Amino acid sequence: MNSCLHENSSLLWTKVLGAFFLCLGLSVTGANRAGAAEPGPVISLVIDGKGISTDVQPIRENGRMLVPIRVVAESTGANVTYETANRQVTVTEKGKRIVLLVDSRTAFVDGKRVTMDAPAMIVNQRTVVPIRFVSEALGYQVVWDERAGVAQVQTKPVEDKAAVIQEASNPYVVQAGDTLTGIAERHHTTVQALKKNNYLSSDELTVQQLLFLPEGSKKSEHPLSTVGDSRLYDDSFYFPFSEATWYEPYGDSYGSDREWTESNSGNVRSHEGIDIMAPKGTPVYAVTDGTINRVGWNTYGGWRVNITDRAGRYRMYYAHLSAYAPGLAIGDTIRAGQLIGFVGDTGYGGTGTVGMFEPHLHFGLYKNSDGLAIDPYFYLRYWEQNKVESPFS
């Protein structure tokens, strides 16, 4: 596109502006290591809850991060005009008009002169402008996630897409022969209250399904402590998706057959985790505090990251990612609720293989002592009631 930028030309892009960048007027610290090699694709920008891949990797210059404006224009419908003769950038969207002059901190918002913290400039034959200034001038919200090294832009009100259980302190594990009527009668509640609290659309139950008894119910006859390790049923653990994330209802897919193998021998292997279907680019968060013990490409898991919990008992496996948050490396300390990557469809082949299945997060749980897989279904259902809050709520 550079060949089009000749003297006295005026170019107009609608939604697409491949040759422009935004300069993030925020300090780059913490998770970003200068010069460190990334383990795979990296996403540094989230718009309206979706990680946005850029055709050019973000540039760090004097403590600032530069990211393509093209993705913002595509996501918001903004129109951008660049006039080479006077080196002027004009951004219009929803009645707002912003004019910026290259190499100048002066800008005009709806005709009013203002001074920016950082000037528009040319970097590597690209024009860059401050993302915070432009976003806020257009009425967007901007948050810098320092821990993850990711900028988040919200152009519209956040919708809570999660079905939140109102009362989750009294879990019940469904037993063989159970019915909603029987469970309700034995726990001094009603079928209607059970269905409402658990967002059930039918009366059908499956063995070992997890229910949450409504407020005022009798103490559960079959609590979660009868299944698995009670130490994992703790409020310090987070669900890997945020409260504003849409994802499909998931079942217990642990142990199901998987036909694809690295050797293509036709052998069937056992699925060692839970698949949660979600749109590509959905942010993925760390379930617990821990340390990265593996990160990078895996033939089965694609771009994946393994995190050993702080106590050294378990390893959490996040697979099929489309990209990572910046700066992840083996040995890094990760905090519960930290953004670590983005949902994708990578894996089942050599490095970079995509499209072998629909986008989803594969979450696996392993004992650190012997590497044996554990069914994480019940833990995920419990952690589902504890999600990272949207910074724009």
Protein backbone atom coordinates (compact mmCIF):
# COMPACT_ATOMS: atom_id res chain seq x y z
CA MET A 1 0.00 0.00 0.00
CA ASN A 2 2.99 2.31 0.38
CA SER A 3 3.15 2.71 -3.39
CA CYS A 4 -0.19 4.52 -3.22
CA LEU A 5 1.12 7.18 -0.85
CA HIS A 6 2.54 9.58 -3.39
CA GLU A 7 2.68 13.35 -3.21
CA ASN A 8 -0.66 15.22 -3.20
CA SER A 9 -2.68 12.00 -2.91
CA SER A 10 -5.79 11.71 -0.75
CA LEU A 11 -6.81 8.19 0.21
CA LEU A 12 -9.99 7.11 1.96
CA TRP A 13 -10.46 3.80 3.69
CA THR A 14 -13.75 2.67 5.17
CA LYS A 15 -13.13 0.25 8.01
CA VAL A 16 -9.76 -0.78 6.54
CA LEU A 17 -6.60 1.23 7.12
CA GLY A 18 -3.67 -1.10 6.66
CA ALA A 19 -0.97 1.58 6.56
CA PHE A 20 -1.75 3.33 9.82
CA PHE A 21 -0.87 2.64 13.43
CA LEU A 22 -2.09 3.74 16.79
CA CYS A 23 0.37 4.79 19.42
CA LEU A 24 -0.76 3.54 22.82
CA GLY A 25 -0.23 6.38 25.26
CA LEU A 26 0.44 4.01 28.15
CA SER A 27 3.67 2.81 29.73
CA VAL A 28 4.82 -0.66 28.75
CA THR A 29 6.09 -2.46 31.85
CA GLY A 30 5.66 -5.68 33.78
CA ALA A 31 4.88 -8.56 31.44
CA ASN A 32 6.70 -7.10 28.43
CA ARG A 33 10.35 -8.06 28.23
CA ALA A 34 12.35 -5.92 25.81
CA GLY A 35 13.88 -8.07 23.11
CA ALA A 36 12.54 -11.37 24.49
CA ALA A 37 11.56 -13.93 21.86
CA GLU A 38 7.87 -14.80 21.92
CA PRO A 39 6.82 -18.49 22.08
CA GLY A 40 4.32 -18.02 19.25
CA PRO A 41 1.79 -15.52 17.89
CA VAL A 42 1.05 -12.64 20.25
CA ILE A 43 -2.01 -10.44 20.64
CA SER A 44 -1.64 -7.08 22.39
CA LEU A 45 -5.04 -5.55 21.63
CA VAL A 46 -8.55 -6.53 22.72
CA ILE A 47 -11.55 -4.74 21.20
CA ASP A 48 -15.02 -5.37 22.63
CA GLY A 49 -13.85 -8.53 24.35
CA LYS A 50 -12.07 -10.12 21.38
CA GLY A 51 -8.35 -10.40 20.85
CA ILE A 52 -7.36 -8.81 17.56
CA SER A 53 -4.48 -10.20 15.48
CA THR A 54 -2.49 -7.57 13.64
CA ASP A 55 -0.70 -7.88 10.32
CA VAL A 56 2.32 -6.13 11.87
CA GLN A 57 3.52 -6.91 15.37
CA PRO A 58 3.07 -4.08 17.89
CA ILE A 59 6.07 -1.77 18.13
CA ARG A 60 7.49 -0.57 21.43
CA GLU A 61 9.09 2.84 21.21
CA ASN A 62 10.20 4.95 24.19
CA GLY A 63 7.85 3.15 26.54
CA ARG A 64 4.93 3.31 24.10
CA MET A 65 3.21 0.53 22.20
CA LEU A 66 2.24 0.99 18.56
CA VAL A 67 -0.55 -1.15 17.09
CA PRO A 68 -2.36 -1.00 13.75
CA ILE A 69 -5.31 1.36 13.53
CA ARG A 70 -6.70 -0.88 10.80
CA VAL A 71 -8.15 -3.26 13.36
CA VAL A 72 -9.84 -0.43 15.25
CA ALA A 73 -11.32 0.93 12.04
CA GLU A 74 -12.57 -2.51 11.04
CA SER A 75 -14.13 -3.11 14.43
CA THR A 76 -15.79 0.30 14.80
CA GLY A 77 -16.63 1.34 11.25
CA ALA A 78 -14.53 4.50 11.51
CA ASN A 79 -13.53 6.28 8.30
CA VAL A 80 -9.96 7.45 7.95
CA THR A 81 -8.50 9.89 5.43
CA TYR A 82 -4.77 10.45 4.96
CA GLU A 83 -3.57 13.45 2.96
CA THR A 84 0.07 13.15 1.99
CA ALA A 85 0.47 16.79 0.91
CA ASN A 86 -0.18 18.26 4.35
CA ARG A 87 0.56 15.05 6.33
CA GLN A 88 -2.84 15.13 7.93
CA VAL A 89 -4.90 12.24 9.34
CA THR A 90 -8.66 12.63 9.72
CA VAL A 91 -10.79 10.11 11.63
CA THR A 92 -14.58 10.31 11.55
CA GLU A 93 -17.10 8.07 13.24
CA LYS A 94 -20.65 8.60 14.54
CA GLY A 95 -20.54 12.34 13.96
CA LYS A 96 -17.13 12.82 15.56
CA ARG A 97 -14.25 14.31 13.56
CA ILE A 98 -10.63 14.14 14.68
CA VAL A 99 -7.78 15.76 12.77
CA LEU A 100 -4.14 14.99 13.63
CA LEU A 101 -0.97 16.46 12.12
CA VAL A 102 2.09 14.24 11.72
CA ASP A 103 5.00 15.15 14.05
CA SER A 104 2.75 17.48 16.03
CA ARG A 105 1.04 17.16 19.40
CA THR A 106 -1.68 19.43 18.11
CA ALA A 107 -5.01 17.89 17.14
CA PHE A 108 -8.56 19.08 16.49
CA VAL A 109 -11.66 17.37 17.86
CA ASP A 110 -14.83 18.65 16.19
CA GLY A 111 -12.91 21.82 15.33
CA LYS A 112 -11.58 22.40 18.85
CA ARG A 113 -7.80 22.60 19.21
CA VAL A 114 -6.31 20.23 21.78
CA THR A 115 -2.82 19.09 22.80
CA MET A 116 -2.01 15.39 22.90
CA ASP A 117 0.43 13.63 25.23
CA ALA A 118 2.19 12.06 22.24
CA PRO A 119 2.42 13.39 18.68
CA ALA A 120 1.34 11.68 15.51
CA MET A 121 4.48 10.53 13.70
CA ILE A 122 5.95 8.41 10.93
CA VAL A 123 7.51 5.10 12.07
CA ASN A 124 8.94 2.71 9.48
CA GLN A 125 6.99 4.50 6.74
CA ARG A 126 3.82 4.22 8.79
CA THR A 127 1.76 6.98 10.36
CA VAL A 128 1.07 6.49 14.08
CA VAL A 129 -1.39 8.28 16.34
CA PRO A 130 -2.17 7.92 20.09
CA ILE A 131 -4.77 5.24 20.72
CA ARG A 132 -5.96 6.60 24.06
CA PHE A 133 -6.53 10.06 22.64
CA VAL A 134 -8.32 8.82 19.53
CA SER A 135 -10.40 6.22 21.36
CA GLU A 136 -11.55 8.55 24.10
CA ALA A 137 -12.25 11.32 21.55
CA LEU A 138 -14.56 8.86 19.79
CA GLY A 139 -16.27 8.02 23.08
CA TYR A 140 -14.59 4.64 23.63
CA GLN A 141 -13.12 3.37 26.87
CA VAL A 142 -9.46 2.32 27.05
CA VAL A 143 -7.81 0.21 29.76
CA TRP A 144 -4.19 -0.92 29.90
CA ASP A 145 -3.76 -4.38 31.45
CA GLU A 146 -0.24 -3.93 32.76
CA ARG A 147 0.10 -7.47 34.08
CA ALA A 148 -0.78 -9.04 30.71
CA GLY A 149 0.72 -6.30 28.54
CA VAL A 150 -2.55 -5.90 26.62
CA ALA A 151 -4.58 -2.81 25.73
CA GLN A 152 -8.36 -3.19 25.93
CA VAL A 153 -10.73 -0.92 24.02
CA GLN A 154 -14.48 -0.99 24.59
CA THR A 155 -16.63 0.75 21.98
CA LYS A 156 -20.05 -0.24 23.35
CA PRO A 157 -21.67 -1.10 26.69
CA VAL A 158 -20.56 -4.44 28.16
CA GLU A 159 -23.19 -7.12 28.24
CA ASP A 160 -23.00 -9.75 30.96
CA LYS A 161 -23.17 -12.89 28.82
CA ALA A 162 -22.68 -15.39 31.62
CA ALA A 163 -25.48 -17.33 33.26
CA VAL A 164 -24.59 -16.68 36.89
CA ILE A 165 -25.83 -19.11 39.51
CA GLN A 166 -27.42 -17.00 42.23
CA GLU A 167 -26.69 -19.49 45.02
CA ALA A 168 -23.61 -21.67 44.54
CA SER A 169 -22.58 -22.48 48.11
CA ASN A 170 -24.51 -25.76 48.36
CA PRO A 171 -23.54 -28.03 45.41
CA TYR A 172 -25.17 -31.42 44.82
CA VAL A 173 -23.79 -34.25 42.67
CA VAL A 174 -26.59 -36.14 40.90
CA GLN A 175 -26.74 -39.85 41.73
CA ALA A 176 -28.12 -42.83 39.78
CA GLY A 177 -31.94 -42.82 39.99
CA ASP A 178 -32.19 -39.16 41.00
CA THR A 179 -35.03 -36.95 39.79
CA LEU A 180 -35.53 -33.22 40.28
CA THR A 181 -38.66 -33.97 42.30
CA GLY A 182 -36.79 -36.34 44.63
CA ILE A 183 -33.85 -33.97 45.10
CA ALA A 184 -36.21 -31.06 45.80
CA GLU A 185 -38.26 -33.01 48.36
CA ARG A 186 -35.21 -34.33 50.23
CA HIS A 187 -33.63 -30.89 50.43
CA HIS A 188 -36.75 -28.90 51.36
CA THR A 189 -36.99 -26.88 48.14
CA THR A 190 -39.01 -26.95 44.92
CA VAL A 191 -38.41 -28.19 41.39
CA GLN A 192 -39.07 -24.68 40.07
CA ALA A 193 -36.45 -23.19 42.40
CA LEU A 194 -33.92 -25.86 41.42
CA LYS A 195 -34.44 -25.23 37.71
CA LYS A 196 -34.28 -21.46 38.10
CA ASN A 197 -31.06 -21.50 40.14
CA ASN A 198 -29.38 -23.87 37.67
CA TYR A 199 -30.79 -22.44 34.43
CA LEU A 200 -32.32 -25.82 33.56
CA SER A 201 -34.68 -25.97 30.60
CA SER A 202 -35.80 -29.58 31.16
CA ASP A 203 -36.26 -32.09 33.98
CA GLU A 204 -33.68 -34.53 32.58
CA LEU A 205 -30.62 -35.29 34.69
CA THR A 206 -27.41 -37.22 34.10
CA VAL A 207 -25.43 -39.17 36.67
CA GLN A 208 -22.76 -36.97 38.33
CA GLN A 209 -24.29 -33.80 36.92
CA LEU A 210 -23.57 -30.88 39.21
CA LEU A 211 -26.49 -28.88 40.62
CA PHE A 212 -26.50 -25.96 43.03
CA LEU A 213 -29.26 -26.11 45.61
CA PRO A 214 -31.27 -22.87 46.04
CA GLU A 215 -31.03 -20.63 49.06
CA GLY A 216 -32.82 -22.11 52.08
CA SER A 217 -32.29 -25.71 50.99
CA LYS A 218 -31.13 -28.43 53.35
CA LYS A 219 -27.41 -29.22 53.30
CA SER A 220 -26.52 -31.34 50.26
CA GLU A 221 -26.63 -35.11 50.72
CA HIS A 222 -23.98 -35.56 48.02
CA PRO A 223 -21.67 -32.52 48.09
CA LEU A 224 -18.66 -31.94 45.88
CA SER A 225 -16.37 -33.15 48.66
CA THR A 226 -17.41 -36.67 47.65
CA VAL A 227 -15.84 -36.11 44.20
CA GLY A 228 -12.17 -35.46 43.60
CA ASP A 229 -9.84 -33.26 45.66
CA SER A 230 -11.61 -30.84 48.00
CA ARG A 231 -8.59 -28.49 47.85
CA LEU A 232 -9.59 -27.56 44.30
CA TYR A 233 -13.04 -26.44 45.42
CA ASP A 234 -11.81 -23.09 46.58
CA ASP A 235 -12.73 -19.50 45.72
CA SER A 236 -9.10 -18.67 44.94
CA PHE A 237 -9.54 -20.47 41.59
CA TYR A 238 -10.99 -18.68 38.56
CA PHE A 239 -12.91 -19.93 35.55
CA PRO A 240 -10.77 -19.51 32.39
CA PHE A 241 -13.31 -17.14 30.76
CA SER A 242 -14.50 -13.76 32.07
CA GLU A 243 -17.98 -12.75 33.13
CA ALA A 244 -18.53 -10.96 29.81
CA THR A 245 -17.55 -13.96 27.65
CA TRP A 246 -20.01 -15.97 25.60
CA TYR A 247 -19.29 -19.69 25.33
CA GLU A 248 -21.36 -22.75 24.59
CA PRO A 249 -22.67 -24.93 27.45
CA TYR A 250 -20.16 -27.72 27.96
CA GLY A 251 -20.43 -31.29 29.16
CA ASP A 252 -17.95 -33.79 30.54
CA SER A 253 -15.96 -34.72 27.44
CA TYR A 254 -13.10 -36.18 29.49
CA GLY A 255 -12.25 -39.72 28.42
CA SER A 256 -14.09 -39.56 25.10
CA ASP A 257 -12.46 -41.01 22.00
CA ARG A 258 -10.22 -38.97 19.72
CA GLU A 259 -9.23 -40.47 16.37
CA TRP A 260 -6.51 -38.06 15.24
CA THR A 261 -3.00 -39.13 16.23
CA GLU A 262 0.41 -37.76 15.37
CA SER A 263 1.38 -41.04 13.68
CA ASN A 264 -1.90 -41.28 11.74
CA SER A 265 -1.93 -44.94 12.70
CA GLY A 266 -5.69 -45.11 13.03
CA ASN A 267 -5.46 -45.78 16.76
CA VAL A 268 -8.01 -44.16 19.09
CA ARG A 269 -6.80 -42.14 22.05
CA SER A 270 -8.56 -40.86 25.14
CA HIS A 271 -9.45 -37.17 25.50
CA GLU A 272 -7.59 -35.78 28.52
CA GLY A 273 -9.56 -32.64 29.24
CA ILE A 274 -12.71 -30.58 28.76
CA ASP A 275 -13.52 -28.69 25.57
CA ILE A 276 -15.33 -25.35 25.90
CA MET A 277 -16.47 -23.94 22.55
CA ALA A 278 -16.03 -20.17 22.20
CA PRO A 279 -15.33 -17.65 19.41
CA LYS A 280 -11.78 -17.34 18.13
CA GLY A 281 -9.98 -14.54 19.95
CA THR A 282 -11.86 -15.00 23.24
CA PRO A 283 -9.48 -14.05 26.09
CA VAL A 284 -8.32 -16.96 28.27
CA TYR A 285 -7.42 -16.40 31.93
CA ALA A 286 -5.23 -18.37 34.32
CA VAL A 287 -7.23 -20.54 36.71
CA THR A 288 -4.78 -20.19 39.60
CA ASP A 289 -1.46 -18.75 40.72
CA GLY A 290 1.46 -20.71 39.37
CA THR A 291 4.55 -20.96 37.21
CA ILE A 292 4.77 -21.62 33.47
CA ASN A 293 6.51 -24.94 32.87
CA ARG A 294 5.80 -25.27 29.13
CA VAL A 295 4.80 -22.83 26.41
CA GLY A 296 4.87 -22.98 22.62
CA TRP A 297 3.75 -25.44 19.95
CA ASN A 298 2.50 -28.96 20.64
CA THR A 299 1.38 -31.30 17.86
CA TYR A 300 -1.91 -32.10 19.56
CA GLY A 301 -2.55 -28.91 21.50
CA GLY A 302 -1.25 -26.35 19.02
CA TRP A 303 -0.18 -23.13 20.74
CA ARG A 304 -0.50 -24.14 24.37
CA VAL A 305 0.72 -23.21 27.82
CA ASN A 306 1.19 -25.40 30.91
CA ILE A 307 1.08 -23.79 34.34
CA THR A 308 2.04 -25.58 37.56
CA ASP A 309 0.01 -24.31 40.51
CA ARG A 310 1.77 -22.50 43.33
CA ALA A 311 1.54 -25.49 45.68
CA GLY A 312 3.17 -27.73 43.07
CA ARG A 313 0.32 -30.26 43.10
CA TYR A 314 -1.25 -29.76 39.68
CA ARG A 315 -0.49 -28.67 36.13
CA MET A 316 -3.14 -26.75 34.18
CA TYR A 317 -3.06 -27.18 30.40
CA TYR A 318 -4.56 -24.54 28.09
CA ALA A 319 -4.54 -25.69 24.46
CA HIS A 320 -5.53 -24.78 20.86
CA LEU A 321 -4.81 -21.07 21.47
CA SER A 322 -4.71 -18.66 18.54
CA ALA A 323 -2.15 -16.47 20.31
CA TYR A 324 -0.57 -15.62 23.65
CA ALA A 325 -0.52 -12.50 25.77
CA PRO A 326 2.89 -10.80 25.30
CA GLY A 327 6.05 -11.93 27.07
CA LEU A 328 5.15 -15.41 28.35
CA ALA A 329 8.15 -17.63 29.05
CA ILE A 330 9.02 -20.77 30.98
CA GLY A 331 9.60 -19.92 34.63
CA ASP A 332 7.29 -16.90 34.65
CA THR A 333 5.05 -16.40 37.67
CA ILE A 334 1.37 -16.20 36.70
CA ARG A 335 -1.45 -14.90 38.87
CA ALA A 336 -4.97 -16.28 39.10
CA GLY A 337 -7.20 -14.36 36.71
CA GLN A 338 -4.28 -13.15 34.55
CA LEU A 339 -4.91 -12.96 30.81
CA ILE A 340 -2.59 -15.53 29.21
CA GLY A 341 -3.92 -16.18 25.70
CA PHE A 342 -6.79 -16.35 23.26
CA VAL A 343 -9.11 -19.10 22.02
CA GLY A 344 -8.20 -20.60 18.66
CA ASP A 345 -8.23 -23.69 16.46
CA THR A 346 -4.55 -24.63 16.36
CA GLY A 347 -3.13 -28.12 16.59
CA TYR A 348 -3.33 -31.61 15.06
CA GLY A 349 -0.31 -31.05 12.86
CA GLY A 350 2.97 -29.25 12.34
CA THR A 351 3.68 -25.78 13.68
CA GLY A 352 0.97 -23.33 12.65
CA THR A 353 -1.68 -25.89 11.69
CA VAL A 354 -5.19 -24.43 12.02
CA GLY A 355 -8.75 -25.32 11.08
CA MET A 356 -8.77 -29.02 11.98
CA PHE A 357 -11.73 -28.35 14.33
CA GLU A 358 -13.94 -25.52 15.53
CA PRO A 359 -12.38 -22.90 17.86
CA HIS A 360 -12.44 -23.90 21.51
CA LEU A 361 -10.40 -23.99 24.69
CA HIS A 362 -9.14 -27.40 25.70
CA PHE A 363 -8.51 -27.34 29.45
CA GLY A 364 -6.58 -30.20 31.00
CA LEU A 365 -5.65 -30.94 34.60
CA TYR A 366 -2.76 -33.20 35.61
CA LYS A 367 -1.13 -34.38 38.82
CA ASN A 368 2.30 -32.83 39.01
CA SER A 369 3.76 -35.81 40.87
CA ASP A 370 3.17 -38.44 38.18
CA GLY A 371 1.72 -36.55 35.20
CA LEU A 372 -1.55 -38.48 35.27
CA ALA A 373 -4.61 -36.71 33.86
CA ILE A 374 -7.59 -35.83 36.08
CA ASP A 375 -11.15 -35.10 34.97
CA PRO A 376 -11.50 -31.31 35.50
CA TYR A 377 -15.25 -31.14 34.81
CA PHE A 378 -16.51 -30.73 38.38
CA TYR A 379 -13.81 -28.23 39.23
CA LEU A 380 -14.63 -26.13 36.17
CA ARG A 381 -18.31 -26.14 37.10
CA TYR A 382 -17.41 -24.93 40.58
CA TRP A 383 -14.92 -22.30 39.31
CA GLU A 384 -17.56 -21.15 36.82
CA GLN A 385 -19.14 -19.20 39.65
CA ASN A 386 -15.95 -17.20 40.10
CA LYS A 387 -15.05 -15.23 36.95
CA VAL A 388 -12.77 -12.32 36.14
CA GLU A 389 -14.75 -9.11 36.04
CA SER A 390 -14.77 -6.93 32.95
CA PRO A 391 -12.64 -3.78 33.43
CA PHE A 392 -15.51 -1.86 31.82
CA SER A 393 -18.31 -3.11 34.09
